N, C-alpha and C. Protein backbone atom coordinates (compact mmCIF):
# COMPACT_ATOMS: atom_id res chain seq x y z
N SER A 1 -94.86 6.29 129.79
CA SER A 1 -95.28 6.76 131.00
C SER A 1 -95.00 5.50 132.36
N GLY A 2 -93.72 5.31 131.97
CA GLY A 2 -92.95 4.04 133.18
C GLY A 2 -93.24 2.81 132.72
N THR A 3 -94.36 2.44 131.85
CA THR A 3 -94.50 1.07 131.58
C THR A 3 -93.75 0.26 130.30
N ASN A 4 -92.81 -0.42 130.29
CA ASN A 4 -92.08 -0.70 129.34
C ASN A 4 -92.72 -2.27 128.80
N ALA A 5 -92.61 -2.66 127.29
CA ALA A 5 -92.84 -4.31 127.19
C ALA A 5 -91.42 -4.46 125.99
N HIS A 6 -91.30 -5.83 126.38
CA HIS A 6 -90.25 -6.14 125.42
C HIS A 6 -90.21 -7.49 124.74
N VAL A 7 -90.12 -7.33 123.57
CA VAL A 7 -90.46 -8.71 123.09
C VAL A 7 -89.68 -9.08 122.08
N ILE A 8 -89.18 -10.48 122.06
CA ILE A 8 -88.25 -10.88 121.14
C ILE A 8 -88.70 -11.98 120.08
N LEU A 9 -88.60 -11.54 118.84
CA LEU A 9 -89.13 -12.35 117.74
C LEU A 9 -87.81 -13.49 117.35
N GLU A 10 -88.10 -14.49 116.99
CA GLU A 10 -87.16 -15.72 116.77
C GLU A 10 -87.64 -16.69 116.07
N GLU A 11 -87.14 -16.93 114.92
CA GLU A 11 -87.51 -18.22 113.67
C GLU A 11 -87.31 -19.48 114.73
N ALA A 12 -88.69 -20.34 114.28
CA ALA A 12 -88.43 -21.46 115.02
C ALA A 12 -87.74 -22.28 114.32
N PRO A 13 -86.92 -23.31 115.05
CA PRO A 13 -86.11 -24.48 114.29
C PRO A 13 -86.84 -24.89 113.64
N ALA A 14 -86.19 -25.34 112.18
CA ALA A 14 -86.59 -26.57 111.08
C ALA A 14 -86.95 -27.78 111.51
N VAL A 15 -88.23 -28.21 111.43
CA VAL A 15 -88.83 -29.54 111.60
C VAL A 15 -88.67 -30.13 110.47
N ALA A 16 -88.38 -31.60 110.44
CA ALA A 16 -88.56 -32.49 109.39
C ALA A 16 -89.87 -32.94 108.87
N PRO A 17 -90.29 -32.64 108.08
CA PRO A 17 -91.42 -33.03 107.83
C PRO A 17 -92.26 -34.75 107.91
N LEU A 18 -93.35 -34.91 108.93
CA LEU A 18 -93.71 -36.13 109.05
C LEU A 18 -93.95 -37.08 107.72
N PRO A 19 -93.49 -38.66 107.47
CA PRO A 19 -93.68 -39.05 106.24
C PRO A 19 -95.47 -39.32 105.89
N GLU A 20 -95.53 -39.33 104.64
CA GLU A 20 -96.66 -39.10 104.37
C GLU A 20 -97.20 -40.58 104.43
N PRO A 21 -98.59 -41.17 104.57
CA PRO A 21 -98.98 -42.57 104.34
C PRO A 21 -99.32 -42.95 103.27
N PRO A 22 -98.98 -44.16 102.86
CA PRO A 22 -99.18 -44.68 101.00
C PRO A 22 -100.19 -43.96 100.81
N ALA A 23 -100.27 -43.61 99.47
CA ALA A 23 -101.54 -43.12 98.75
C ALA A 23 -102.44 -43.77 97.86
N ASP A 24 -101.73 -45.49 97.99
CA ASP A 24 -102.38 -46.56 97.41
C ASP A 24 -103.63 -46.76 97.57
N HIS A 25 -103.82 -46.53 99.11
CA HIS A 25 -105.18 -47.44 99.80
C HIS A 25 -105.29 -49.06 99.44
N SER A 26 -104.05 -49.87 99.33
CA SER A 26 -103.85 -50.74 99.12
C SER A 26 -104.79 -51.74 100.28
N GLY A 27 -105.24 -52.73 100.26
CA GLY A 27 -105.58 -53.71 101.25
C GLY A 27 -107.39 -53.95 101.76
N PRO A 28 -107.35 -53.92 102.82
CA PRO A 28 -108.82 -54.33 103.14
C PRO A 28 -109.04 -52.66 104.04
N LEU A 29 -110.11 -52.69 103.98
CA LEU A 29 -110.57 -50.98 104.68
C LEU A 29 -111.48 -51.71 105.56
N PRO A 30 -111.42 -51.17 107.02
CA PRO A 30 -112.48 -51.25 107.97
C PRO A 30 -113.14 -50.08 108.07
N TRP A 31 -114.75 -50.22 108.04
CA TRP A 31 -115.55 -49.26 108.13
C TRP A 31 -116.07 -49.54 108.97
N MET A 32 -116.23 -48.77 110.09
CA MET A 32 -116.49 -49.05 111.59
C MET A 32 -118.13 -48.29 111.61
N VAL A 33 -118.81 -48.85 112.13
CA VAL A 33 -120.09 -48.55 111.90
C VAL A 33 -120.79 -48.67 114.28
N SER A 34 -121.26 -47.56 114.24
CA SER A 34 -121.97 -47.98 115.78
C SER A 34 -123.29 -46.93 115.96
N GLY A 35 -123.81 -47.66 117.14
CA GLY A 35 -124.90 -46.66 117.15
C GLY A 35 -125.47 -47.20 118.73
N ARG A 36 -126.57 -46.83 119.40
CA ARG A 36 -126.84 -46.70 120.76
C ARG A 36 -127.43 -47.87 120.93
N ASP A 37 -127.98 -48.63 120.24
CA ASP A 37 -128.75 -50.08 120.01
C ASP A 37 -128.58 -50.53 118.60
N THR A 38 -129.00 -51.72 119.02
CA THR A 38 -128.95 -52.34 117.66
C THR A 38 -129.79 -51.84 116.62
N ALA A 39 -130.85 -51.87 116.80
CA ALA A 39 -131.92 -50.55 115.44
C ALA A 39 -130.91 -49.43 115.28
N GLY A 40 -130.18 -48.59 116.02
CA GLY A 40 -129.49 -47.61 115.65
C GLY A 40 -128.11 -48.01 114.79
N LEU A 41 -127.72 -49.22 115.08
CA LEU A 41 -126.53 -49.65 114.18
C LEU A 41 -127.24 -49.87 112.76
N ARG A 42 -128.30 -50.68 112.50
CA ARG A 42 -128.85 -51.06 111.88
C ARG A 42 -129.11 -49.86 110.76
N GLY A 43 -129.41 -48.77 111.58
CA GLY A 43 -129.97 -47.32 110.56
C GLY A 43 -128.71 -46.86 110.30
N GLN A 44 -127.78 -46.89 110.89
CA GLN A 44 -126.16 -46.13 110.44
C GLN A 44 -125.85 -46.91 108.95
N ALA A 45 -125.71 -48.43 109.54
CA ALA A 45 -125.39 -49.25 108.52
C ALA A 45 -126.37 -48.86 106.95
N ALA A 46 -127.47 -48.87 107.27
CA ALA A 46 -128.63 -48.56 105.97
C ALA A 46 -128.19 -47.11 105.14
N ARG A 47 -127.52 -46.02 106.38
CA ARG A 47 -127.77 -44.54 105.54
C ARG A 47 -126.36 -45.12 104.73
N LEU A 48 -125.38 -45.41 105.37
CA LEU A 48 -124.20 -45.87 104.79
C LEU A 48 -124.18 -46.54 103.61
N ALA A 49 -125.00 -47.50 103.61
CA ALA A 49 -125.12 -48.61 102.61
C ALA A 49 -125.62 -47.28 101.25
N GLU A 50 -126.67 -46.49 101.72
CA GLU A 50 -127.62 -45.73 100.52
C GLU A 50 -126.37 -44.88 100.27
N LEU A 51 -125.51 -44.27 101.00
CA LEU A 51 -124.44 -43.20 100.57
C LEU A 51 -123.63 -43.86 99.30
N VAL A 52 -123.51 -45.36 99.46
CA VAL A 52 -122.59 -45.86 98.82
C VAL A 52 -123.12 -46.13 97.48
N ARG A 53 -124.22 -46.28 97.51
CA ARG A 53 -125.55 -46.88 96.03
C ARG A 53 -125.52 -45.48 95.36
N VAL A 54 -125.73 -44.33 95.99
CA VAL A 54 -125.88 -42.71 95.61
C VAL A 54 -124.38 -42.43 94.69
N ARG A 55 -123.56 -42.64 95.92
CA ARG A 55 -122.22 -42.70 95.00
C ARG A 55 -121.83 -43.46 93.56
N ARG A 56 -122.31 -44.71 93.66
CA ARG A 56 -122.08 -45.79 92.73
C ARG A 56 -122.81 -45.32 91.39
N ALA A 57 -123.65 -44.84 91.89
CA ALA A 57 -124.95 -44.42 90.44
C ALA A 57 -124.26 -43.25 89.99
N ALA A 58 -123.54 -41.87 90.91
CA ALA A 58 -122.68 -41.21 89.96
C ALA A 58 -121.88 -41.80 89.22
N GLY A 59 -121.23 -42.99 89.39
CA GLY A 59 -120.00 -43.04 88.48
C GLY A 59 -119.11 -43.65 89.10
N PRO A 60 -118.13 -44.86 88.93
CA PRO A 60 -116.89 -45.64 89.55
C PRO A 60 -116.51 -44.87 90.81
N VAL A 61 -117.08 -45.70 91.87
CA VAL A 61 -116.26 -45.80 93.13
C VAL A 61 -114.86 -46.26 93.38
N ASP A 62 -113.88 -45.09 93.51
CA ASP A 62 -112.43 -45.30 93.53
C ASP A 62 -111.96 -45.49 95.09
N ARG A 63 -110.87 -46.40 95.37
CA ARG A 63 -110.09 -46.68 96.54
C ARG A 63 -109.87 -45.43 97.49
N GLU A 64 -109.74 -44.46 96.64
CA GLU A 64 -109.67 -43.30 97.44
C GLU A 64 -110.64 -42.67 98.21
N TRP A 65 -111.97 -42.55 97.65
CA TRP A 65 -113.30 -42.21 98.04
C TRP A 65 -113.27 -43.51 99.37
N LEU A 66 -113.41 -44.61 98.87
CA LEU A 66 -113.50 -45.90 100.01
C LEU A 66 -112.74 -45.84 101.22
N ALA A 67 -111.27 -45.44 101.01
CA ALA A 67 -110.32 -44.93 102.40
C ALA A 67 -110.74 -43.97 102.89
N GLY A 68 -111.65 -42.65 102.38
CA GLY A 68 -111.59 -41.36 102.79
C GLY A 68 -113.07 -41.65 103.87
N VAL A 69 -113.83 -42.58 103.35
CA VAL A 69 -114.97 -43.09 104.13
C VAL A 69 -114.76 -43.43 105.32
N ALA A 70 -113.61 -44.56 105.09
CA ALA A 70 -113.19 -45.23 106.43
C ALA A 70 -112.47 -44.38 107.52
N LYS A 71 -111.75 -43.56 106.73
CA LYS A 71 -111.02 -42.80 107.85
C LYS A 71 -112.07 -41.67 108.63
N GLY A 72 -113.21 -41.37 107.98
CA GLY A 72 -114.19 -40.29 108.67
C GLY A 72 -114.84 -41.34 109.65
N LEU A 73 -115.04 -42.27 108.96
CA LEU A 73 -115.75 -43.17 110.09
C LEU A 73 -115.19 -43.61 111.14
N ALA A 74 -113.82 -43.97 111.21
CA ALA A 74 -112.92 -43.86 112.03
C ALA A 74 -112.76 -42.86 113.43
N GLY A 75 -113.22 -41.80 112.94
CA GLY A 75 -113.12 -40.24 113.68
C GLY A 75 -114.73 -39.84 114.26
N ARG A 76 -115.59 -41.02 114.05
CA ARG A 76 -116.80 -40.93 115.02
C ARG A 76 -116.92 -41.78 116.14
N ALA A 77 -117.83 -41.22 117.08
CA ALA A 77 -117.67 -41.79 118.24
C ALA A 77 -118.27 -42.88 118.03
N ALA A 78 -117.97 -43.68 119.00
CA ALA A 78 -117.99 -45.22 119.07
C ALA A 78 -119.07 -45.60 120.23
N LEU A 79 -120.42 -45.73 120.17
CA LEU A 79 -121.62 -46.09 120.72
C LEU A 79 -121.48 -47.10 121.16
N GLU A 80 -122.57 -47.76 121.90
CA GLU A 80 -122.68 -48.74 122.30
C GLU A 80 -122.52 -50.20 121.78
N GLN A 81 -123.38 -50.13 120.73
CA GLN A 81 -123.37 -51.14 119.76
C GLN A 81 -122.49 -50.93 118.56
N ARG A 82 -121.28 -51.85 118.45
CA ARG A 82 -120.68 -51.78 117.39
C ARG A 82 -120.43 -52.75 116.37
N ALA A 83 -120.11 -52.24 115.25
CA ALA A 83 -119.51 -53.52 114.17
C ALA A 83 -118.47 -52.49 113.06
N VAL A 84 -117.97 -53.51 112.47
CA VAL A 84 -117.06 -53.33 111.70
C VAL A 84 -116.97 -54.34 110.22
N VAL A 85 -117.26 -53.44 109.16
CA VAL A 85 -117.52 -54.12 108.21
C VAL A 85 -115.83 -54.13 107.06
N VAL A 86 -115.26 -54.94 106.66
CA VAL A 86 -113.91 -55.02 106.26
C VAL A 86 -114.25 -55.55 104.63
N GLY A 87 -113.62 -55.02 103.86
CA GLY A 87 -113.58 -55.17 102.51
C GLY A 87 -112.66 -54.38 101.66
N THR A 88 -112.07 -54.89 100.55
CA THR A 88 -111.25 -54.21 99.92
C THR A 88 -111.99 -53.57 98.50
N GLU A 89 -113.12 -54.10 98.06
CA GLU A 89 -113.63 -53.26 97.10
C GLU A 89 -115.14 -52.90 97.47
N VAL A 90 -115.61 -52.04 96.52
CA VAL A 90 -117.26 -51.59 97.15
C VAL A 90 -118.22 -52.45 97.41
N GLU A 91 -118.00 -53.71 96.40
CA GLU A 91 -119.28 -54.79 96.43
C GLU A 91 -119.02 -55.42 98.07
N GLU A 92 -117.73 -55.53 98.37
CA GLU A 92 -117.66 -56.59 99.44
C GLU A 92 -118.18 -55.32 100.94
N LEU A 93 -117.59 -54.20 100.63
CA LEU A 93 -117.92 -53.28 102.06
C LEU A 93 -120.02 -52.95 101.93
N LEU A 94 -120.39 -53.07 100.57
CA LEU A 94 -121.94 -52.78 100.56
C LEU A 94 -122.40 -53.80 100.96
N ALA A 95 -121.93 -55.38 100.43
CA ALA A 95 -122.75 -56.55 101.05
C ALA A 95 -122.95 -56.62 102.51
N GLY A 96 -121.60 -56.15 103.17
CA GLY A 96 -121.48 -56.17 104.59
C GLY A 96 -122.00 -55.17 105.19
N LEU A 97 -122.38 -54.00 105.09
CA LEU A 97 -123.45 -53.28 105.35
C LEU A 97 -124.87 -53.61 105.24
N GLU A 98 -125.04 -54.12 104.27
CA GLU A 98 -126.49 -54.63 103.89
C GLU A 98 -126.82 -55.90 104.90
N GLU A 99 -125.82 -56.60 105.35
CA GLU A 99 -125.94 -57.94 105.87
C GLU A 99 -126.16 -57.14 107.69
N LEU A 100 -125.52 -55.87 107.64
CA LEU A 100 -125.63 -55.24 109.02
C LEU A 100 -127.09 -54.68 109.24
N THR A 101 -127.83 -54.36 107.89
CA THR A 101 -129.04 -53.69 108.05
C THR A 101 -130.26 -54.86 108.45
N LYS A 102 -129.95 -55.77 107.89
CA LYS A 102 -131.05 -57.24 107.86
C LYS A 102 -131.13 -57.42 109.59
N ALA A 103 -129.58 -57.30 110.37
CA ALA A 103 -129.51 -58.25 111.47
C ALA A 103 -130.69 -57.96 112.56
N GLU A 104 -131.47 -59.09 112.96
CA GLU A 104 -132.45 -58.76 114.12
C GLU A 104 -132.09 -58.48 115.22
N ARG A 105 -130.87 -59.33 115.50
CA ARG A 105 -129.99 -59.44 116.75
C ARG A 105 -128.56 -58.61 116.67
N SER A 106 -127.82 -58.68 117.71
CA SER A 106 -126.69 -58.19 117.79
C SER A 106 -125.71 -59.83 116.75
N LEU A 107 -124.74 -59.30 116.03
CA LEU A 107 -124.28 -60.17 115.10
C LEU A 107 -123.24 -60.55 115.89
N PRO A 108 -122.38 -61.83 116.02
CA PRO A 108 -121.90 -62.57 116.98
C PRO A 108 -120.32 -61.84 116.09
N ALA A 109 -119.17 -61.87 116.77
CA ALA A 109 -118.09 -61.46 116.11
C ALA A 109 -117.35 -62.72 115.38
N ARG A 110 -117.01 -62.43 113.89
CA ARG A 110 -116.32 -63.72 113.69
C ARG A 110 -114.93 -63.61 113.76
N THR A 111 -114.39 -64.64 114.00
CA THR A 111 -112.90 -65.03 114.26
C THR A 111 -112.32 -65.71 113.06
N GLY A 112 -111.09 -66.17 113.10
CA GLY A 112 -110.51 -67.10 112.32
C GLY A 112 -109.94 -66.06 110.87
N SER A 113 -109.97 -64.70 111.00
CA SER A 113 -109.56 -64.15 109.35
C SER A 113 -107.66 -64.18 109.71
N GLY A 114 -107.42 -64.01 110.92
CA GLY A 114 -105.82 -63.71 111.14
C GLY A 114 -105.68 -62.39 110.86
N VAL A 115 -106.35 -61.53 110.66
CA VAL A 115 -106.17 -60.09 110.70
C VAL A 115 -106.80 -59.43 112.01
N VAL A 116 -105.90 -58.67 112.66
CA VAL A 116 -106.42 -57.91 113.77
C VAL A 116 -106.01 -56.16 113.50
N PHE A 117 -107.02 -55.47 113.87
CA PHE A 117 -106.80 -53.74 113.64
C PHE A 117 -107.11 -53.66 114.79
N VAL A 118 -105.75 -52.20 115.26
CA VAL A 118 -105.94 -52.20 116.65
C VAL A 118 -105.53 -50.79 116.60
N PHE A 119 -106.89 -49.84 117.26
CA PHE A 119 -106.79 -48.48 116.93
C PHE A 119 -106.38 -47.84 118.42
N PRO A 120 -105.21 -47.45 118.51
CA PRO A 120 -104.92 -47.19 120.16
C PRO A 120 -105.19 -45.87 120.32
N GLY A 121 -106.04 -45.04 119.81
CA GLY A 121 -106.31 -43.67 120.06
C GLY A 121 -105.15 -42.78 120.28
N GLN A 122 -104.67 -42.49 121.12
CA GLN A 122 -103.21 -41.42 120.95
C GLN A 122 -102.06 -42.18 120.67
N GLY A 123 -101.37 -42.26 119.75
CA GLY A 123 -100.30 -42.96 119.23
C GLY A 123 -100.27 -43.44 117.55
N GLY A 124 -101.41 -42.92 117.01
CA GLY A 124 -101.31 -43.28 115.76
C GLY A 124 -101.09 -41.75 115.11
N GLN A 125 -100.66 -40.79 115.50
CA GLN A 125 -100.32 -39.49 114.83
C GLN A 125 -99.36 -40.03 113.77
N TRP A 126 -98.07 -40.81 113.79
CA TRP A 126 -97.36 -40.86 112.65
C TRP A 126 -97.20 -42.49 112.53
N VAL A 127 -96.69 -42.97 111.10
CA VAL A 127 -96.19 -43.82 110.81
C VAL A 127 -95.20 -44.81 111.84
N GLY A 128 -95.48 -46.00 112.20
CA GLY A 128 -94.58 -46.20 112.89
C GLY A 128 -94.96 -46.29 114.58
N MET A 129 -95.51 -45.26 115.29
CA MET A 129 -95.44 -44.99 116.25
C MET A 129 -95.62 -45.92 117.50
N GLY A 130 -96.74 -46.73 116.74
CA GLY A 130 -97.26 -48.11 117.84
C GLY A 130 -96.62 -48.98 117.55
N ARG A 131 -95.59 -49.13 116.93
CA ARG A 131 -94.44 -49.90 116.71
C ARG A 131 -93.49 -49.83 117.65
N GLU A 132 -92.78 -48.48 117.62
CA GLU A 132 -92.11 -47.80 118.58
C GLU A 132 -92.26 -47.93 119.76
N LEU A 133 -93.73 -47.64 120.26
CA LEU A 133 -94.17 -47.76 121.82
C LEU A 133 -94.30 -49.37 122.09
N LEU A 134 -94.55 -50.25 121.03
CA LEU A 134 -94.47 -51.71 121.54
C LEU A 134 -93.13 -51.78 121.90
N ASP A 135 -92.19 -51.92 121.34
CA ASP A 135 -90.67 -51.77 121.92
C ASP A 135 -89.90 -51.07 122.69
N SER A 136 -90.42 -50.24 123.05
CA SER A 136 -89.80 -48.76 124.20
C SER A 136 -90.86 -49.09 125.54
N TRP A 137 -91.98 -49.19 125.60
CA TRP A 137 -92.70 -49.24 126.75
C TRP A 137 -93.43 -50.61 126.96
N PRO A 138 -93.01 -51.17 127.99
CA PRO A 138 -93.16 -52.38 128.24
C PRO A 138 -94.60 -52.51 128.94
N VAL A 139 -95.28 -51.63 129.38
CA VAL A 139 -96.81 -51.28 129.74
C VAL A 139 -97.47 -51.40 128.53
N PHE A 140 -97.30 -50.90 127.73
CA PHE A 140 -97.98 -50.98 126.26
C PHE A 140 -97.40 -52.22 125.73
N ALA A 141 -96.57 -52.88 125.60
CA ALA A 141 -96.47 -54.11 125.20
C ALA A 141 -97.13 -55.42 125.87
N ASP A 142 -97.45 -54.96 127.52
CA ASP A 142 -98.29 -55.82 128.15
C ASP A 142 -99.46 -55.80 127.75
N ARG A 143 -100.18 -54.54 127.63
CA ARG A 143 -101.53 -54.38 127.32
C ARG A 143 -101.73 -55.07 125.79
N LEU A 144 -100.92 -54.87 124.92
CA LEU A 144 -101.05 -55.08 123.34
C LEU A 144 -101.41 -56.95 123.55
N ALA A 145 -100.29 -57.62 124.18
CA ALA A 145 -100.30 -59.01 124.32
C ALA A 145 -102.12 -59.10 125.11
N VAL A 146 -102.33 -58.80 126.17
CA VAL A 146 -103.53 -59.02 126.34
C VAL A 146 -104.76 -59.14 125.33
N CYS A 147 -104.78 -58.02 124.69
CA CYS A 147 -105.49 -58.15 123.39
C CYS A 147 -105.62 -59.06 122.41
N GLU A 148 -104.00 -59.44 122.13
CA GLU A 148 -103.79 -60.62 121.28
C GLU A 148 -104.46 -61.64 122.01
N ARG A 149 -104.52 -61.92 122.94
CA ARG A 149 -104.93 -63.24 123.58
C ARG A 149 -106.08 -63.47 123.64
N ALA A 150 -107.09 -62.12 123.89
CA ALA A 150 -108.40 -62.05 123.92
C ALA A 150 -109.07 -62.45 122.48
């Protein structure tokens, strides 16, 4: 009746797949915990410690599971009170969580480890992206230098 529609379908250009991150999950794992207040932070740490104890009672806890928990925690909301428990083995992570559950007040930051974790938000989509930004964007490099000095 006079109305025409034209559609052109075409195959999208081939895109090289992104490299997969290493699957060995070696090295220290950061478990990020947060709460609206100190009591909330302690409660979150207690629930996470209980999850670890239940999982461990069911059988050996492997690095892949520990890394999966770290990834899941990194994707959660960062509330007002925050802490990071770092460990390479389940016992280290559990001890850190238990220390958080017993804290009567906010824990001071520990320094001197020589290791810094930077979670840049946008920019972690693929391996090496942060390094590329550091090399090519002076504003990014300047802000990262401020973080390093802090």
